[in-house]
Protein backbone atom coordinates (compact mmCIF):
# COMPACT_ATOMS: atom_id res chain seq x y z
CA MET A 1 -40.03 -6.66 -6.37
CA SER A 2 -38.52 -5.17 -3.32
CA GLU A 3 -39.11 -1.57 -2.29
CA TRP A 4 -35.52 -0.97 -3.36
CA ASP A 5 -35.45 -1.99 -6.76
CA ALA A 6 -36.38 1.28 -8.44
CA VAL A 7 -33.62 2.81 -6.54
CA ARG A 8 -31.12 0.06 -7.58
CA ARG A 9 -31.98 0.62 -11.05
CA ALA A 10 -31.50 4.44 -10.74
CA VAL A 11 -28.30 4.40 -8.87
CA ARG A 12 -26.73 1.64 -11.13
CA ALA A 13 -27.46 3.68 -14.09
CA GLU A 14 -25.19 6.37 -12.56
CA ILE A 15 -22.24 4.25 -11.80
CA ARG A 16 -19.38 4.42 -14.48
CA ALA A 17 -16.99 1.59 -14.92
CA VAL A 18 -13.46 3.07 -15.23
CA PRO A 19 -10.99 0.39 -16.52
CA ASP A 20 -7.18 0.24 -15.37
CA PHE A 21 -7.65 2.78 -12.55
CA PRO A 22 -5.82 3.33 -10.21
CA GLN A 23 -3.63 0.54 -12.00
CA ALA A 24 -3.96 -1.60 -14.75
CA GLY A 25 -6.16 -4.58 -14.19
CA ILE A 26 -8.65 -2.89 -11.87
CA LEU A 27 -11.93 -1.87 -12.97
CA PHE A 28 -12.84 1.30 -10.93
CA ARG A 29 -16.66 1.88 -10.09
CA ASP A 30 -16.87 5.72 -10.25
CA ILE A 31 -19.79 7.13 -8.18
CA THR A 32 -19.15 10.75 -9.41
CA PRO A 33 -21.96 10.42 -12.13
CA LEU A 34 -24.26 9.42 -9.08
CA LEU A 35 -23.24 12.53 -7.22
CA ALA A 36 -23.77 14.60 -10.27
CA SER A 37 -27.40 13.34 -10.24
CA PRO A 38 -29.39 15.01 -7.40
CA GLU A 39 -32.40 12.67 -8.13
CA ALA A 40 -30.43 9.38 -8.14
CA PHE A 41 -28.24 10.62 -5.09
CA GLU A 42 -31.29 11.34 -3.02
CA GLN A 43 -32.51 7.90 -3.70
CA ALA A 44 -29.42 6.41 -2.54
CA LEU A 45 -29.39 8.41 0.57
CA GLY A 46 -32.75 7.37 1.27
CA TRP A 47 -31.50 3.82 1.07
CA TYR A 48 -28.42 4.62 3.20
CA ALA A 49 -30.64 6.27 6.05
CA ASP A 50 -33.23 3.35 6.22
CA ARG A 51 -30.07 0.94 6.74
CA CYS A 52 -28.66 3.27 9.34
CA ALA A 53 -31.76 4.14 11.26
CA GLY A 54 -31.25 3.28 15.07
CA ALA A 55 -27.61 4.27 14.98
CA GLU A 56 -26.26 7.21 17.34
CA VAL A 57 -23.42 7.93 15.08
CA ILE A 58 -22.52 7.67 11.43
CA VAL A 59 -18.95 6.72 10.63
CA GLY A 60 -17.72 7.20 7.31
CA VAL A 61 -14.56 6.02 5.56
CA GLU A 62 -12.18 8.40 3.39
CA ALA A 63 -12.88 9.63 1.03
CA ARG A 64 -16.15 8.84 -0.66
CA GLY A 65 -17.65 7.41 2.49
CA PHE A 66 -17.32 11.02 3.78
CA ILE A 67 -19.64 12.06 1.05
CA VAL A 68 -22.58 9.89 1.78
CA GLY A 69 -21.75 9.28 5.43
CA ALA A 70 -21.95 13.01 6.21
CA ALA A 71 -25.23 13.60 4.24
CA VAL A 72 -26.69 10.49 6.17
CA ALA A 73 -25.85 11.88 9.31
CA GLN A 74 -27.24 15.06 8.49
CA ARG A 75 -30.60 13.61 7.12
CA LEU A 76 -31.05 11.49 10.17
CA GLY A 77 -29.85 14.56 12.84
CA LEU A 78 -26.75 12.42 14.00
CA PRO A 79 -23.14 13.11 14.67
CA PHE A 80 -20.60 12.11 11.87
CA ALA A 81 -17.26 10.63 12.59
CA PRO A 82 -14.65 10.53 9.94
CA MET A 83 -12.15 7.87 9.26
CA ARG A 84 -9.18 9.05 7.71
CA LYS A 85 -5.90 8.11 6.10
CA PRO A 86 -3.03 8.10 8.43
CA GLY A 87 -1.69 11.50 9.47
CA LYS A 88 -4.37 13.59 8.47
CA LEU A 89 -6.45 14.10 11.96
CA PRO A 90 -5.16 16.85 14.18
CA ARG A 91 -5.63 15.28 17.73
CA ALA A 92 -4.97 11.78 19.20
CA THR A 93 -6.09 8.81 17.07
CA ILE A 94 -6.26 5.22 17.11
CA GLY A 95 -5.32 3.62 13.70
CA ARG A 96 -5.16 0.46 11.77
CA ARG A 97 -3.12 -0.89 8.74
CA TYR A 98 -4.90 -2.82 6.16
CA GLU A 99 -4.37 -4.57 2.53
CA LEU A 100 -6.13 -3.62 -0.44
CA GLU A 101 -6.65 -5.63 -3.73
CA TYR A 102 -3.77 -3.36 -5.19
CA GLY A 103 -1.57 -2.38 -2.20
CA SER A 104 -1.70 -1.44 1.70
CA ASP A 105 -3.00 1.55 3.45
CA GLY A 106 -4.07 2.65 6.94
CA LEU A 107 -7.01 4.30 8.49
CA GLU A 108 -7.28 6.56 11.88
CA MET A 109 -10.14 8.02 13.71
CA HIS A 110 -10.17 10.27 16.53
CA SER A 111 -9.98 8.35 19.79
CA ASP A 112 -12.94 10.15 21.10
CA ALA A 113 -14.84 10.10 17.88
CA VAL A 114 -17.16 7.43 19.34
CA ARG A 115 -18.14 6.64 22.84
CA PRO A 116 -17.96 3.03 24.43
CA GLY A 117 -21.36 1.35 23.73
CA GLN A 118 -22.53 3.98 21.30
CA ARG A 119 -24.43 2.55 18.31
CA ALA A 120 -22.47 3.30 15.36
CA ALA A 121 -23.55 2.66 11.58
CA LEU A 122 -20.55 2.43 9.34
CA VAL A 123 -21.05 3.56 5.62
CA ASP A 124 -18.56 3.57 2.56
CA ASP A 125 -19.27 3.62 -1.33
CA VAL A 126 -17.52 0.41 -2.37
CA LEU A 127 -16.85 -3.22 -0.45
CA ALA A 128 -13.82 -4.85 -2.58
CA THR A 129 -11.60 -7.15 -0.80
CA GLY A 130 -13.22 -6.09 2.66
CA GLY A 131 -9.77 -4.71 3.97
CA THR A 132 -10.88 -1.20 4.40
CA LEU A 133 -14.04 -1.88 6.34
CA GLU A 134 -12.48 -4.68 8.29
CA ALA A 135 -9.91 -2.09 9.35
CA ALA A 136 -12.69 0.35 10.23
CA VAL A 137 -14.59 -2.44 12.27
CA GLY A 138 -11.53 -3.21 14.14
CA LEU A 139 -11.42 0.65 14.95
CA LEU A 140 -14.88 0.74 16.16
CA GLY A 141 -14.08 -2.44 18.12
CA GLU A 142 -11.11 -0.44 19.65
CA ALA A 143 -13.40 2.28 20.56
CA GLU A 144 -15.92 -0.02 22.20
CA ALA A 145 -18.72 1.12 19.76
CA GLU A 146 -21.61 -1.20 18.81
CA ILE A 147 -21.79 -1.60 15.04
CA THR A 148 -25.41 -1.32 14.30
CA ARG A 149 -24.94 -1.68 10.51
CA ILE A 150 -22.49 -1.51 7.67
CA ALA A 151 -23.95 -0.04 4.44
CA VAL A 152 -22.41 0.08 1.12
CA LEU A 153 -23.38 1.24 -2.09
CA ILE A 154 -21.37 -1.36 -4.30
CA GLU A 155 -20.27 -4.55 -3.58
CA LEU A 156 -17.52 -6.05 -5.94
CA ARG A 157 -18.66 -9.82 -5.09
CA GLU A 158 -15.78 -11.73 -6.95
CA LEU A 159 -13.47 -10.20 -4.46
CA ASN A 160 -15.21 -11.93 -1.60
CA GLY A 161 -14.85 -8.96 0.82
CA ARG A 162 -18.20 -9.82 2.66
CA GLU A 163 -16.27 -12.96 4.20
CA ARG A 164 -14.07 -10.68 6.11
CA LEU A 165 -17.07 -8.92 7.69
CA ALA A 166 -18.86 -12.14 8.62
CA GLY A 167 -20.84 -11.55 12.01
CA TYR A 168 -21.66 -7.91 11.06
CA PRO A 169 -24.90 -6.72 9.81
CA LEU A 170 -23.96 -5.79 6.23
CA ASP A 171 -26.00 -4.41 3.49
CA THR A 172 -25.10 -3.45 -0.10
CA LEU A 173 -27.15 -1.81 -2.78
CA ILE A 174 -25.83 -2.75 -5.90
CA GLY A 175 -23.53 -5.99 -6.59
CA TYR A 176 -20.98 -6.37 -9.51
């Protein structure tokens, strides 16, 4: 039994499946019950912090990646850099478009959010098709950051998103 098995069980118990959201045929994994459980959320943050040790900056993807990313950054005493939907950041940005399992979208971050050579850990809540995180990896590459870890709470294995992130250190807590 791994040291994280109890955490996996506690966190899994707080994940709600919501059918047909955001559109018909999608089974959405809702983390809001996890966020409402201080004990389980604390355990999840411990897992993220363990994975992100050694980073110099935590990067979180809008929107739920902000919740965990900012909390992990605070826990580790590190800066937090947000990646947002296009047009939401007030200064010079770099950006990427990407495909989702149900459409397309984009990500941007401030062009000075990470420094060249800075060790960055990328966090999000769900790995589905991998498009969002692939775009995030591309933005960090454009910023010349060193990706030390990608940490994701939930992996939807049947969508094979992991394949798009081959070659990067990727950890997921729960797989469906």
